[in-house]
Structure formats: C-alpha cells, structure tokens
Amino acid sequence: MRISELSRRSGAPVSTLKYYLREGLVHEGDRLSGNQTDYDESHVQRVRLVRALLETGGLSIAAAKRVLTTLDAEDSSIAHTFAAAQHAMTDGRAHGDVSETSRARVAALADAQGWRTSPDNPGFGVAARVLDDFSAIGFEPSDSYLGAYASAADQIARADLSALIGRESPELTAELMVVGTVVGDALIAGLRRLAHQEATAELFPTSDAASPHTTQRKDLP
C-alpha cells in the first residue's frame, strides 16, 4: 500500500507518518521504482501502537523510542520489556529528591501487600513523591487510605497480566503488555473521574437536580 493508504488505514495524517519514519518510530517500507514506497499490515499495526504510546499514553518521543527498541529486541523477555515500559512511563517523575520518610512508607505498604519488588522499581519514587506533595499541603494519608489504593492497584495489575494469557504469539503478548501498561494509566484516570462523581453524589449530596450529563442509575428489580 502507498503512504496515502497507510494514512487512511491507521488514521494518522501523512505528515505525521513521515515524522514517525524520520524519528525511527516506524520501520521503513519497501522501496519500489522511482520514489514510490510500499507499506504493509505491519506498518498499520506499528503506527497504531506509536499513536497509543504518544497520544493516549503521553510518552515523549525519546521514551517511546526506548520502549519500542526493547519491544523489537528478539532476546527481550516479558519482564525486561515490562520494566522498560514502566521506566518510560515514569521518566522524569521518579527522579529527584523524595523524603526518606515517604519512601519508607511506600516500601512498608508494598511489604504489607506481599509484593515482590526490586529496589529500582520507579513506582517507589513516584508514590513517595505523591506522599511528599500531600505532606506539603498538610495532608497525611491514613493507613486505610493508602491500603485502599494498594488493594485497587493489586487488582488492576492482576487484570493487566491475566489479559496477556492466551495471546497468539510472544510478539502480540509483549505488544499488549506495553500498550496496556502505558495507556492503562489513562484508563484508570478516566474511570476514577467517573467514580468520583458517583462518590461525591453519595457522600456530599445536594438538592440540585441531576446534571444533564449524569447517567441515572436504575436499581435492578
């Protein structure tokens, strides 16, 4: 297929496709006679993957390149690719100074959950920074508050990994793992916002009529 057809199939403008090609995010097509290039289904799939990483996942070009390089490596294990995706997602957020108190509390929370973690997992830095930010505004999360987050995270992580079972090939398994890891944060954020609206209506009720954008729940008989 020509680049115009690749654009139609993938939903990305031709200018965007050319940018992806220049940056090495998408592999080159087969050169034909003259200035014509032929693309195939692997290019369609790759463009969709890149768009998921950049647009939904919010990764930088550099971070997306690191994830894709790991994904393309033939000798990369699922664990290695998973770690690369995690580090790419937290690039810039897990670095810098965080208090030892917050880091220790996150470590204790992970231990309480029975999680087997490595010291270089970027989650420690990200979570500790959140606790520091809370502290800066005078809020100290209770153990039950953090426990609720940890329990939800555990269920979500298990759902993520369970979804990998039964994929047709190691390549498809790795691809779903990367996309799920990156865009899963966006899914959590979206659903959390919906749940916040419901919890607000329940815990802080008002006499206002329901918003026209509110979906009314109907009790089952």
N, C-alpha and C. Protein backbone atom coordinates (compact mmCIF):
# COMPACT_ATOMS: atom_id res chain seq x y z
N MET A 1 0.84 -1.19 0.00
CA MET A 1 0.00 0.00 0.00
C MET A 1 0.89 1.25 0.00
N ARG A 2 0.38 2.33 -0.56
CA ARG A 2 1.10 3.60 -0.58
C ARG A 2 0.88 4.32 0.76
N ILE A 3 1.64 5.38 0.97
CA ILE A 3 1.56 6.08 2.25
C ILE A 3 0.19 6.72 2.46
N SER A 4 -0.48 7.08 1.37
CA SER A 4 -1.82 7.64 1.50
C SER A 4 -2.80 6.60 2.06
N GLU A 5 -2.63 5.34 1.60
CA GLU A 5 -3.47 4.26 2.11
C GLU A 5 -3.11 3.94 3.56
N LEU A 6 -1.82 3.98 3.87
CA LEU A 6 -1.38 3.77 5.26
C LEU A 6 -1.99 4.83 6.16
N SER A 7 -2.06 6.05 5.68
CA SER A 7 -2.68 7.14 6.43
C SER A 7 -4.15 6.85 6.68
N ARG A 8 -4.84 6.42 5.65
CA ARG A 8 -6.27 6.12 5.80
C ARG A 8 -6.50 4.97 6.76
N ARG A 9 -5.70 3.92 6.65
CA ARG A 9 -5.88 2.73 7.49
C ARG A 9 -5.52 2.98 8.95
N SER A 10 -4.50 3.79 9.17
CA SER A 10 -4.01 3.99 10.54
C SER A 10 -4.65 5.19 11.23
N GLY A 11 -5.24 6.09 10.42
CA GLY A 11 -5.86 7.27 10.99
C GLY A 11 -4.88 8.40 11.27
N ALA A 12 -3.62 8.25 10.86
CA ALA A 12 -2.61 9.29 11.07
C ALA A 12 -2.38 10.07 9.78
N PRO A 13 -2.30 11.39 9.85
CA PRO A 13 -2.03 12.19 8.64
C PRO A 13 -0.70 11.80 8.01
N VAL A 14 -0.56 12.03 6.72
CA VAL A 14 0.67 11.69 6.01
C VAL A 14 1.86 12.42 6.63
N SER A 15 1.68 13.67 7.00
CA SER A 15 2.78 14.43 7.62
C SER A 15 3.24 13.77 8.92
N THR A 16 2.29 13.23 9.67
CA THR A 16 2.63 12.54 10.92
C THR A 16 3.38 11.26 10.63
N LEU A 17 2.94 10.53 9.62
CA LEU A 17 3.62 9.29 9.24
C LEU A 17 5.07 9.56 8.85
N LYS A 18 5.28 10.62 8.08
CA LYS A 18 6.63 10.96 7.65
C LYS A 18 7.50 11.32 8.85
N TYR A 19 6.89 11.97 9.84
CA TYR A 19 7.62 12.31 11.07
C TYR A 19 8.00 11.05 11.83
N TYR A 20 7.06 10.11 11.96
CA TYR A 20 7.35 8.84 12.63
C TYR A 20 8.49 8.11 11.93
N LEU A 21 8.47 8.12 10.61
CA LEU A 21 9.52 7.45 9.84
C LEU A 21 10.88 8.12 10.05
N ARG A 22 10.90 9.45 10.03
CA ARG A 22 12.16 10.18 10.25
C ARG A 22 12.73 9.90 11.64
N GLU A 23 11.84 9.79 12.63
CA GLU A 23 12.29 9.57 14.00
C GLU A 23 12.62 8.11 14.29
N GLY A 24 12.33 7.23 13.34
CA GLY A 24 12.62 5.82 13.55
C GLY A 24 11.60 5.10 14.40
N LEU A 25 10.44 5.70 14.59
CA LEU A 25 9.38 5.06 15.37
C LEU A 25 8.67 3.99 14.55
N VAL A 26 8.66 4.18 13.25
CA VAL A 26 8.05 3.22 12.31
C VAL A 26 9.13 2.79 11.33
N HIS A 27 9.20 1.49 11.05
CA HIS A 27 10.22 0.97 10.14
C HIS A 27 9.92 1.37 8.70
N GLU A 28 10.98 1.47 7.93
CA GLU A 28 10.85 1.87 6.52
C GLU A 28 10.08 0.82 5.72
N GLY A 29 9.41 1.29 4.66
CA GLY A 29 8.74 0.37 3.76
C GLY A 29 9.69 -0.12 2.68
N ASP A 30 9.17 -0.92 1.78
CA ASP A 30 9.98 -1.45 0.67
C ASP A 30 10.03 -0.43 -0.47
N ARG A 31 11.25 -0.08 -0.86
CA ARG A 31 11.42 0.87 -1.95
C ARG A 31 11.07 0.23 -3.29
N LEU A 32 10.21 0.89 -4.04
CA LEU A 32 9.86 0.43 -5.37
C LEU A 32 10.57 1.32 -6.39
N SER A 33 10.16 1.25 -7.62
CA SER A 33 10.79 2.08 -8.65
C SER A 33 10.49 3.56 -8.40
N GLY A 34 11.42 4.41 -8.77
CA GLY A 34 11.23 5.84 -8.59
C GLY A 34 11.22 6.21 -7.12
N ASN A 35 10.29 7.05 -6.73
CA ASN A 35 10.20 7.49 -5.34
C ASN A 35 9.04 6.84 -4.60
N GLN A 36 8.58 5.72 -5.11
CA GLN A 36 7.46 5.02 -4.51
C GLN A 36 7.94 4.06 -3.41
N THR A 37 7.17 3.99 -2.32
CA THR A 37 7.47 3.07 -1.22
C THR A 37 6.23 2.27 -0.90
N ASP A 38 6.42 1.00 -0.64
CA ASP A 38 5.30 0.10 -0.34
C ASP A 38 5.27 -0.23 1.15
N TYR A 39 4.08 -0.14 1.74
CA TYR A 39 3.90 -0.45 3.16
C TYR A 39 2.92 -1.62 3.28
N ASP A 40 2.97 -2.29 4.43
CA ASP A 40 2.09 -3.45 4.61
C ASP A 40 1.38 -3.37 5.96
N GLU A 41 0.75 -4.49 6.35
CA GLU A 41 -0.03 -4.52 7.58
C GLU A 41 0.82 -4.26 8.82
N SER A 42 2.10 -4.64 8.77
CA SER A 42 2.95 -4.41 9.93
C SER A 42 3.13 -2.91 10.19
N HIS A 43 3.08 -2.13 9.14
CA HIS A 43 3.19 -0.68 9.30
C HIS A 43 1.91 -0.10 9.91
N VAL A 44 0.77 -0.62 9.47
CA VAL A 44 -0.50 -0.17 10.04
C VAL A 44 -0.51 -0.42 11.54
N GLN A 45 -0.11 -1.64 11.93
CA GLN A 45 -0.10 -2.01 13.34
C GLN A 45 0.88 -1.16 14.13
N ARG A 46 2.05 -0.90 13.52
CA ARG A 46 3.07 -0.14 14.23
C ARG A 46 2.63 1.32 14.44
N VAL A 47 2.01 1.90 13.42
CA VAL A 47 1.55 3.28 13.56
C VAL A 47 0.50 3.37 14.67
N ARG A 48 -0.40 2.41 14.72
CA ARG A 48 -1.41 2.42 15.79
C ARG A 48 -0.76 2.28 17.16
N LEU A 49 0.27 1.46 17.24
CA LEU A 49 1.00 1.30 18.50
C LEU A 49 1.67 2.61 18.90
N VAL A 50 2.33 3.25 17.95
CA VAL A 50 3.03 4.51 18.24
C VAL A 50 2.05 5.57 18.69
N ARG A 51 0.91 5.65 18.02
CA ARG A 51 -0.09 6.65 18.40
C ARG A 51 -0.62 6.39 19.81
N ALA A 52 -0.78 5.13 20.17
CA ALA A 52 -1.24 4.80 21.52
C ALA A 52 -0.22 5.26 22.56
N LEU A 53 1.06 5.03 22.27
CA LEU A 53 2.11 5.41 23.21
C LEU A 53 2.21 6.93 23.34
N LEU A 54 2.13 7.64 22.22
CA LEU A 54 2.33 9.09 22.24
C LEU A 54 1.08 9.86 22.63
N GLU A 55 -0.04 9.52 22.01
CA GLU A 55 -1.24 10.33 22.17
C GLU A 55 -2.04 9.95 23.42
N THR A 56 -2.27 8.66 23.62
CA THR A 56 -3.03 8.24 24.80
C THR A 56 -2.13 8.10 26.01
N GLY A 57 -0.98 7.47 25.81
CA GLY A 57 -0.06 7.25 26.92
C GLY A 57 0.71 8.48 27.33
N GLY A 58 0.83 9.46 26.40
CA GLY A 58 1.51 10.70 26.73
C GLY A 58 3.02 10.59 26.82
N LEU A 59 3.62 9.55 26.21
CA LEU A 59 5.07 9.41 26.26
C LEU A 59 5.75 10.43 25.35
N SER A 60 6.95 10.79 25.71
CA SER A 60 7.77 11.62 24.83
C SER A 60 8.29 10.76 23.68
N ILE A 61 8.80 11.40 22.64
CA ILE A 61 9.39 10.65 21.53
C ILE A 61 10.53 9.78 22.03
N ALA A 62 11.39 10.35 22.88
CA ALA A 62 12.54 9.60 23.39
C ALA A 62 12.10 8.39 24.20
N ALA A 63 11.08 8.58 25.05
CA ALA A 63 10.59 7.47 25.87
C ALA A 63 9.96 6.39 25.01
N ALA A 64 9.18 6.82 24.00
CA ALA A 64 8.55 5.85 23.10
C ALA A 64 9.60 5.05 22.35
N LYS A 65 10.68 5.71 21.93
CA LYS A 65 11.76 5.00 21.24
C LYS A 65 12.37 3.92 22.12
N ARG A 66 12.57 4.23 23.40
CA ARG A 66 13.16 3.24 24.30
C ARG A 66 12.25 2.03 24.45
N VAL A 67 10.96 2.29 24.58
CA VAL A 67 10.01 1.18 24.71
C VAL A 67 9.99 0.34 23.44
N LEU A 68 9.95 0.98 22.29
CA LEU A 68 9.88 0.27 21.02
C LEU A 68 11.16 -0.51 20.74
N THR A 69 12.30 0.05 21.13
CA THR A 69 13.58 -0.66 20.94
C THR A 69 13.59 -1.94 21.75
N THR A 70 13.09 -1.86 22.97
CA THR A 70 13.02 -3.06 23.81
C THR A 70 12.03 -4.05 23.25
N LEU A 71 10.90 -3.54 22.76
CA LEU A 71 9.87 -4.41 22.20
C LEU A 71 10.37 -5.13 20.97
N ASP A 72 11.23 -4.47 20.18
CA ASP A 72 11.74 -5.05 18.93
C ASP A 72 12.90 -6.02 19.15
N ALA A 73 13.52 -5.95 20.32
CA ALA A 73 14.67 -6.82 20.58
C ALA A 73 14.23 -8.27 20.70
N GLU A 74 14.83 -9.13 19.91
CA GLU A 74 14.41 -10.53 19.87
C GLU A 74 14.68 -11.27 21.17
N ASP A 75 15.71 -10.82 21.92
CA ASP A 75 16.08 -11.55 23.13
C ASP A 75 15.50 -10.93 24.39
N SER A 76 14.54 -9.99 24.25
CA SER A 76 13.94 -9.35 25.42
C SER A 76 12.86 -10.24 26.01
N SER A 77 12.94 -10.45 27.31
CA SER A 77 11.90 -11.20 27.99
C SER A 77 10.72 -10.28 28.28
N ILE A 78 9.58 -10.88 28.64
CA ILE A 78 8.42 -10.09 29.00
C ILE A 78 8.75 -9.19 30.19
N ALA A 79 9.48 -9.73 31.16
CA ALA A 79 9.84 -8.95 32.35
C ALA A 79 10.70 -7.74 31.98
N HIS A 80 11.64 -7.95 31.04
CA HIS A 80 12.51 -6.86 30.62
C HIS A 80 11.72 -5.78 29.89
N THR A 81 10.84 -6.19 28.99
CA THR A 81 10.03 -5.25 28.24
C THR A 81 9.08 -4.51 29.17
N PHE A 82 8.53 -5.23 30.14
CA PHE A 82 7.63 -4.63 31.11
C PHE A 82 8.35 -3.55 31.91
N ALA A 83 9.58 -3.85 32.33
CA ALA A 83 10.37 -2.88 33.09
C ALA A 83 10.67 -1.64 32.25
N ALA A 84 10.97 -1.85 30.97
CA ALA A 84 11.25 -0.71 30.09
C ALA A 84 10.03 0.19 29.95
N ALA A 85 8.85 -0.41 29.83
CA ALA A 85 7.63 0.37 29.73
C ALA A 85 7.37 1.16 31.01
N GLN A 86 7.59 0.52 32.15
CA GLN A 86 7.38 1.20 33.42
C GLN A 86 8.31 2.41 33.56
N HIS A 87 9.58 2.21 33.24
CA HIS A 87 10.54 3.30 33.37
C HIS A 87 10.23 4.43 32.38
N ALA A 88 9.77 4.08 31.18
CA ALA A 88 9.43 5.10 30.19
C ALA A 88 8.25 5.94 30.67
N MET A 89 7.26 5.29 31.27
CA MET A 89 6.08 5.99 31.75
C MET A 89 6.40 6.95 32.87
N THR A 90 7.37 6.61 33.69
CA THR A 90 7.68 7.43 34.86
C THR A 90 8.89 8.30 34.64
N ASP A 91 9.36 8.38 33.39
CA ASP A 91 10.53 9.18 33.06
C ASP A 91 10.33 10.62 33.53
N GLY A 92 11.21 11.09 34.41
CA GLY A 92 11.10 12.45 34.91
C GLY A 92 10.29 12.58 36.18
N ARG A 93 9.44 11.60 36.48
CA ARG A 93 8.63 11.68 37.69
C ARG A 93 9.23 10.90 38.85
N ALA A 94 10.07 9.91 38.54
CA ALA A 94 10.62 9.07 39.59
C ALA A 94 11.98 9.56 40.05
N HIS A 95 12.49 10.60 39.38
CA HIS A 95 13.81 11.11 39.72
C HIS A 95 13.70 12.33 40.62
N GLY A 96 14.80 12.74 41.16
CA GLY A 96 14.79 13.88 42.07
C GLY A 96 14.68 13.42 43.51
N ASP A 97 14.73 14.37 44.39
CA ASP A 97 14.74 14.06 45.81
C ASP A 97 13.33 13.80 46.33
N VAL A 98 13.18 12.75 47.07
CA VAL A 98 11.96 12.48 47.82
C VAL A 98 12.40 12.18 49.24
N SER A 99 11.52 12.41 50.19
CA SER A 99 11.89 12.20 51.58
C SER A 99 12.03 10.72 51.89
N GLU A 100 12.96 10.42 52.76
CA GLU A 100 13.14 9.03 53.19
C GLU A 100 11.91 8.53 53.92
N THR A 101 11.22 9.44 54.61
CA THR A 101 10.00 9.04 55.33
C THR A 101 8.95 8.52 54.37
N SER A 102 8.74 9.26 53.27
CA SER A 102 7.73 8.85 52.29
C SER A 102 8.16 7.57 51.59
N ARG A 103 9.44 7.48 51.23
CA ARG A 103 9.91 6.28 50.56
C ARG A 103 9.76 5.05 51.47
N ALA A 104 10.08 5.24 52.74
CA ALA A 104 9.95 4.12 53.68
C ALA A 104 8.50 3.70 53.85
N ARG A 105 7.60 4.68 53.82
CA ARG A 105 6.18 4.33 53.97
C ARG A 105 5.67 3.57 52.76
N VAL A 106 6.12 3.96 51.58
CA VAL A 106 5.73 3.23 50.37
C VAL A 106 6.28 1.81 50.42
N ALA A 107 7.52 1.67 50.86
CA ALA A 107 8.13 0.33 50.97
C ALA A 107 7.36 -0.53 51.96
N ALA A 108 6.94 0.07 53.08
CA ALA A 108 6.17 -0.68 54.08
C ALA A 108 4.81 -1.10 53.51
N LEU A 109 4.22 -0.22 52.71
CA LEU A 109 2.93 -0.53 52.09
C LEU A 109 3.07 -1.70 51.12
N ALA A 110 4.15 -1.68 50.33
CA ALA A 110 4.39 -2.79 49.39
C ALA A 110 4.63 -4.09 50.14
N ASP A 111 5.37 -4.02 51.24
CA ASP A 111 5.62 -5.22 52.05
C ASP A 111 4.33 -5.76 52.64
N ALA A 112 3.47 -4.85 53.09
CA ALA A 112 2.20 -5.28 53.69
C ALA A 112 1.32 -6.00 52.67
N GLN A 113 1.46 -5.62 51.39
CA GLN A 113 0.70 -6.28 50.33
C GLN A 113 1.32 -7.61 49.92
N GLY A 114 2.56 -7.86 50.38
CA GLY A 114 3.26 -9.08 49.99
C GLY A 114 3.82 -9.01 48.59
N TRP A 115 4.03 -7.78 48.07
CA TRP A 115 4.55 -7.63 46.71
C TRP A 115 6.04 -7.92 46.67
N ARG A 116 6.46 -8.64 45.65
CA ARG A 116 7.88 -8.90 45.40
C ARG A 116 8.38 -7.85 44.42
N THR A 117 9.09 -6.88 44.94
CA THR A 117 9.53 -5.74 44.13
C THR A 117 11.05 -5.62 44.16
N SER A 118 11.58 -4.94 43.14
CA SER A 118 13.01 -4.67 43.08
C SER A 118 13.26 -3.23 43.52
N PRO A 119 14.42 -2.96 44.13
CA PRO A 119 14.70 -1.61 44.64
C PRO A 119 14.65 -0.53 43.57
N ASP A 120 14.92 -0.89 42.30
CA ASP A 120 14.95 0.13 41.25
C ASP A 120 13.58 0.34 40.58
N ASN A 121 12.54 -0.28 41.11
CA ASN A 121 11.20 -0.07 40.54
C ASN A 121 10.84 1.40 40.67
N PRO A 122 10.51 2.07 39.54
CA PRO A 122 10.23 3.52 39.60
C PRO A 122 8.99 3.86 40.40
N GLY A 123 8.17 2.86 40.68
CA GLY A 123 6.96 3.12 41.47
C GLY A 123 7.26 3.67 42.85
N PHE A 124 8.39 3.27 43.43
CA PHE A 124 8.75 3.78 44.75
C PHE A 124 8.91 5.29 44.72
N GLY A 125 9.66 5.78 43.74
CA GLY A 125 9.89 7.21 43.64
C GLY A 125 8.63 7.99 43.34
N VAL A 126 7.79 7.47 42.41
CA VAL A 126 6.57 8.16 42.03
C VAL A 126 5.61 8.26 43.22
N ALA A 127 5.39 7.14 43.91
CA ALA A 127 4.46 7.13 45.04
C ALA A 127 4.99 7.99 46.19
N ALA A 128 6.30 7.92 46.44
CA ALA A 128 6.88 8.72 47.52
C ALA A 128 6.74 10.20 47.23
N ARG A 129 6.89 10.59 45.98
CA ARG A 129 6.73 12.00 45.62
C ARG A 129 5.30 12.46 45.86
N VAL A 130 4.33 11.61 45.58
CA VAL A 130 2.93 11.95 45.86
C VAL A 130 2.73 12.19 47.35
N LEU A 131 3.31 11.32 48.18
CA LEU A 131 3.18 11.50 49.62
C LEU A 131 3.83 12.80 50.08
N ASP A 132 4.96 13.13 49.47
CA ASP A 132 5.60 14.41 49.80
C ASP A 132 4.70 15.59 49.42
N ASP A 133 4.03 15.48 48.25
CA ASP A 133 3.14 16.55 47.82
C ASP A 133 1.95 16.69 48.76
N PHE A 134 1.43 15.55 49.20
CA PHE A 134 0.34 15.58 50.18
C PHE A 134 0.79 16.29 51.46
N SER A 135 1.97 15.92 51.91
CA SER A 135 2.50 16.49 53.14
C SER A 135 2.67 18.00 53.02
N ALA A 136 3.03 18.45 51.83
CA ALA A 136 3.26 19.88 51.61
C ALA A 136 1.98 20.70 51.78
N ILE A 137 0.82 20.07 51.59
CA ILE A 137 -0.44 20.79 51.78
C ILE A 137 -1.11 20.39 53.10
N GLY A 138 -0.34 19.72 53.97
CA GLY A 138 -0.85 19.40 55.30
C GLY A 138 -1.75 18.19 55.39
N PHE A 139 -1.68 17.30 54.39
CA PHE A 139 -2.50 16.09 54.42
C PHE A 139 -1.60 14.88 54.58
N GLU A 140 -1.86 14.10 55.62
CA GLU A 140 -1.11 12.87 55.84
C GLU A 140 -2.05 11.70 55.65
N PRO A 141 -1.96 10.99 54.53
CA PRO A 141 -2.88 9.89 54.26
C PRO A 141 -2.83 8.82 55.35
N SER A 142 -4.00 8.35 55.73
CA SER A 142 -4.07 7.29 56.73
C SER A 142 -3.65 5.96 56.12
N ASP A 143 -3.41 5.00 56.98
CA ASP A 143 -3.06 3.66 56.50
C ASP A 143 -4.21 3.06 55.69
N SER A 144 -5.44 3.33 56.11
CA SER A 144 -6.58 2.77 55.38
C SER A 144 -6.72 3.41 53.99
N TYR A 145 -6.40 4.70 53.92
CA TYR A 145 -6.43 5.40 52.63
C TYR A 145 -5.43 4.77 51.66
N LEU A 146 -4.19 4.63 52.10
CA LEU A 146 -3.16 4.04 51.23
C LEU A 146 -3.46 2.57 50.96
N GLY A 147 -4.00 1.89 51.95
CA GLY A 147 -4.34 0.48 51.76
C GLY A 147 -5.39 0.29 50.67
N ALA A 148 -6.36 1.22 50.61
CA ALA A 148 -7.39 1.13 49.58
C ALA A 148 -6.77 1.29 48.19
N TYR A 149 -5.84 2.23 48.06
CA TYR A 149 -5.15 2.42 46.79
C TYR A 149 -4.34 1.18 46.42
N ALA A 150 -3.64 0.63 47.41
CA ALA A 150 -2.80 -0.54 47.15
C ALA A 150 -3.65 -1.74 46.73
N SER A 151 -4.78 -1.93 47.38
CA SER A 151 -5.65 -3.06 47.04
C SER A 151 -6.21 -2.90 45.63
N ALA A 152 -6.60 -1.68 45.28
CA ALA A 152 -7.10 -1.43 43.91
C ALA A 152 -5.99 -1.66 42.89
N ALA A 153 -4.78 -1.19 43.21
CA ALA A 153 -3.65 -1.37 42.30
C ALA A 153 -3.33 -2.84 42.10
N ASP A 154 -3.45 -3.63 43.16
CA ASP A 154 -3.18 -5.05 43.06
C ASP A 154 -4.17 -5.74 42.13
N GLN A 155 -5.43 -5.40 42.26
CA GLN A 155 -6.45 -5.99 41.38
C GLN A 155 -6.23 -5.59 39.93
N ILE A 156 -5.90 -4.33 39.72
CA ILE A 156 -5.68 -3.85 38.35
C ILE A 156 -4.46 -4.53 37.73
N ALA A 157 -3.39 -4.66 38.51
CA ALA A 157 -2.18 -5.30 38.00
C ALA A 157 -2.46 -6.75 37.60
N ARG A 158 -3.23 -7.44 38.40
CA ARG A 158 -3.55 -8.83 38.08
C ARG A 158 -4.44 -8.92 36.84
N ALA A 159 -5.34 -7.96 36.68
CA ALA A 159 -6.16 -7.93 35.47
C ALA A 159 -5.28 -7.69 34.24
N ASP A 160 -4.31 -6.78 34.37
CA ASP A 160 -3.39 -6.50 33.27
C ASP A 160 -2.65 -7.75 32.83
N LEU A 161 -2.09 -8.46 33.80
CA LEU A 161 -1.29 -9.64 33.46
C LEU A 161 -2.14 -10.81 32.99
N SER A 162 -3.34 -10.94 33.54
CA SER A 162 -4.24 -12.01 33.11
C SER A 162 -4.65 -11.83 31.66
N ALA A 163 -4.73 -10.58 31.22
CA ALA A 163 -5.12 -10.30 29.83
C ALA A 163 -4.07 -10.79 28.83
N LEU A 164 -2.84 -10.99 29.31
CA LEU A 164 -1.77 -11.44 28.40
C LEU A 164 -1.87 -12.92 28.09
N ILE A 165 -2.54 -13.65 28.96
CA ILE A 165 -2.64 -15.11 28.78
C ILE A 165 -3.50 -15.41 27.55
N GLY A 166 -3.01 -16.29 26.72
CA GLY A 166 -3.79 -16.70 25.56
C GLY A 166 -3.53 -15.90 24.30
N ARG A 167 -2.61 -14.92 24.36
CA ARG A 167 -2.27 -14.21 23.13
C ARG A 167 -1.60 -15.17 22.15
N GLU A 168 -1.75 -14.90 20.86
CA GLU A 168 -1.36 -15.85 19.84
C GLU A 168 0.14 -16.04 19.70
N SER A 169 0.92 -15.03 20.07
CA SER A 169 2.37 -15.13 19.89
C SER A 169 3.06 -14.28 20.95
N PRO A 170 4.35 -14.55 21.20
CA PRO A 170 5.11 -13.72 22.15
C PRO A 170 5.12 -12.25 21.74
N GLU A 171 5.15 -11.98 20.42
CA GLU A 171 5.18 -10.60 19.96
C GLU A 171 3.89 -9.88 20.33
N LEU A 172 2.74 -10.54 20.13
CA LEU A 172 1.46 -9.93 20.47
C LEU A 172 1.32 -9.77 21.98
N THR A 173 1.87 -10.73 22.73
CA THR A 173 1.83 -10.63 24.18
C THR A 173 2.62 -9.42 24.66
N ALA A 174 3.82 -9.25 24.12
CA ALA A 174 4.66 -8.12 24.51
C ALA A 174 4.01 -6.80 24.11
N GLU A 175 3.41 -6.77 22.93
CA GLU A 175 2.78 -5.54 22.45
C GLU A 175 1.62 -5.15 23.35
N LEU A 176 0.76 -6.10 23.71
CA LEU A 176 -0.36 -5.79 24.60
C LEU A 176 0.14 -5.35 25.96
N MET A 177 1.20 -5.98 26.43
CA MET A 177 1.75 -5.61 27.73
C MET A 177 2.23 -4.17 27.73
N VAL A 178 2.92 -3.77 26.65
CA VAL A 178 3.43 -2.40 26.56
C VAL A 178 2.26 -1.41 26.48
N VAL A 179 1.33 -1.65 25.55
CA VAL A 179 0.21 -0.74 25.38
C VAL A 179 -0.63 -0.68 26.65
N GLY A 180 -0.90 -1.84 27.23
CA GLY A 180 -1.70 -1.87 28.45
C GLY A 180 -1.04 -1.13 29.60
N THR A 181 0.27 -1.27 29.70
CA THR A 181 1.00 -0.58 30.76
C THR A 181 0.93 0.93 30.58
N VAL A 182 1.14 1.38 29.36
CA VAL A 182 1.20 2.82 29.10
C VAL A 182 -0.19 3.46 29.14
N VAL A 183 -1.15 2.89 28.40
CA VAL A 183 -2.46 3.54 28.33
C VAL A 183 -3.35 3.15 29.51
N GLY A 184 -2.93 2.12 30.25
CA GLY A 184 -3.71 1.73 31.43
C GLY A 184 -3.84 2.85 32.44
N ASP A 185 -2.80 3.66 32.58
CA ASP A 185 -2.88 4.80 33.49
C ASP A 185 -3.99 5.75 33.07
N ALA A 186 -4.14 5.95 31.77
CA ALA A 186 -5.20 6.82 31.28
C ALA A 186 -6.58 6.21 31.55
N LEU A 187 -6.68 4.88 31.42
CA LEU A 187 -7.94 4.20 31.71
C LEU A 187 -8.32 4.36 33.18
N ILE A 188 -7.32 4.17 34.04
CA ILE A 188 -7.57 4.33 35.48
C ILE A 188 -8.04 5.75 35.77
N ALA A 189 -7.37 6.73 35.18
CA ALA A 189 -7.72 8.13 35.43
C ALA A 189 -9.15 8.43 34.98
N GLY A 190 -9.52 7.92 33.81
CA GLY A 190 -10.86 8.17 33.30
C GLY A 190 -11.93 7.55 34.18
N LEU A 191 -11.75 6.28 34.56
CA LEU A 191 -12.73 5.61 35.40
C LEU A 191 -12.79 6.22 36.80
N ARG A 192 -11.64 6.67 37.29
CA ARG A 192 -11.60 7.30 38.62
C ARG A 192 -12.41 8.58 38.63
N ARG A 193 -12.36 9.33 37.54
CA ARG A 193 -13.15 10.55 37.48
C ARG A 193 -14.65 10.24 37.49
N LEU A 194 -15.05 9.18 36.81
CA LEU A 194 -16.45 8.78 36.83
C LEU A 194 -16.86 8.34 38.23
N ALA A 195 -16.00 7.56 38.88
CA ALA A 195 -16.29 7.10 40.24
C ALA A 195 -16.34 8.25 41.22
N HIS A 196 -15.51 9.27 41.01
CA HIS A 196 -15.52 10.44 41.88
C HIS A 196 -16.88 11.13 41.85
N GLN A 197 -17.46 11.22 40.66
CA GLN A 197 -18.76 11.88 40.56
C GLN A 197 -19.81 11.11 41.34
N GLU A 198 -19.79 9.79 41.22
CA GLU A 198 -20.74 8.96 41.96
C GLU A 198 -20.52 9.07 43.47
N ALA A 199 -19.26 8.99 43.90
CA ALA A 199 -18.97 9.06 45.34
C ALA A 199 -19.32 10.43 45.91
N THR A 200 -19.11 11.48 45.11
CA THR A 200 -19.46 12.82 45.57
C THR A 200 -20.96 12.95 45.79
N ALA A 201 -21.73 12.42 44.84
CA ALA A 201 -23.19 12.47 44.98
C ALA A 201 -23.66 11.70 46.20
N GLU A 202 -22.95 10.62 46.54
CA GLU A 202 -23.35 9.80 47.68
C GLU A 202 -22.92 10.40 49.02
N LEU A 203 -21.68 10.90 49.07
CA LEU A 203 -21.12 11.38 50.33
C LEU A 203 -21.38 12.85 50.60
N PHE A 204 -21.56 13.63 49.55
CA PHE A 204 -21.83 15.06 49.69
C PHE A 204 -23.06 15.43 48.86
N PRO A 205 -24.22 14.88 49.23
CA PRO A 205 -25.43 15.11 48.42
C PRO A 205 -25.87 16.57 48.47
N THR A 206 -26.46 17.00 47.38
CA THR A 206 -27.03 18.34 47.29
C THR A 206 -28.47 18.22 46.83
N SER A 207 -29.17 19.33 46.91
CA SER A 207 -30.57 19.33 46.46
C SER A 207 -30.70 19.64 44.98
N ASP A 208 -29.55 19.86 44.34
CA ASP A 208 -29.59 20.19 42.92
C ASP A 208 -30.12 19.02 42.11
N ALA A 209 -30.79 19.32 41.05
CA ALA A 209 -31.25 18.27 40.14
C ALA A 209 -30.05 17.66 39.45
N ALA A 210 -30.22 16.45 38.99
CA ALA A 210 -29.12 15.75 38.32
C ALA A 210 -28.69 16.52 37.10
N SER A 211 -27.39 16.54 36.87
CA SER A 211 -26.83 17.20 35.69
C SER A 211 -27.32 16.50 34.43
N PRO A 212 -27.52 17.22 33.35
CA PRO A 212 -27.93 16.56 32.10
C PRO A 212 -26.87 15.59 31.59
N HIS A 213 -25.63 15.73 32.11
CA HIS A 213 -24.57 14.83 31.68
C HIS A 213 -24.44 13.63 32.61
N THR A 214 -25.31 13.57 33.64
CA THR A 214 -25.23 12.47 34.59
C THR A 214 -26.07 11.31 34.12
N THR A 215 -25.49 10.14 34.13
CA THR A 215 -26.22 8.93 33.79
C THR A 215 -26.96 8.43 35.03
N GLN A 216 -28.26 8.34 34.97
CA GLN A 216 -29.02 7.90 36.10
C GLN A 216 -28.93 6.40 36.26
N ARG A 217 -28.65 5.97 37.48
CA ARG A 217 -28.58 4.53 37.72
C ARG A 217 -29.99 4.03 38.06
N LYS A 218 -30.32 2.90 37.53
CA LYS A 218 -31.61 2.29 37.82
C LYS A 218 -31.39 1.04 38.65
N ASP A 219 -32.11 0.97 39.77
CA ASP A 219 -31.99 -0.21 40.61
C ASP A 219 -32.59 -1.40 39.90
N LEU A 220 -31.90 -2.50 40.03
CA LEU A 220 -32.42 -3.73 39.42
C LEU A 220 -33.58 -4.24 40.24
N PRO A 221 -34.55 -4.87 39.61
CA PRO A 221 -35.71 -5.39 40.37
C PRO A 221 -35.27 -6.53 41.27
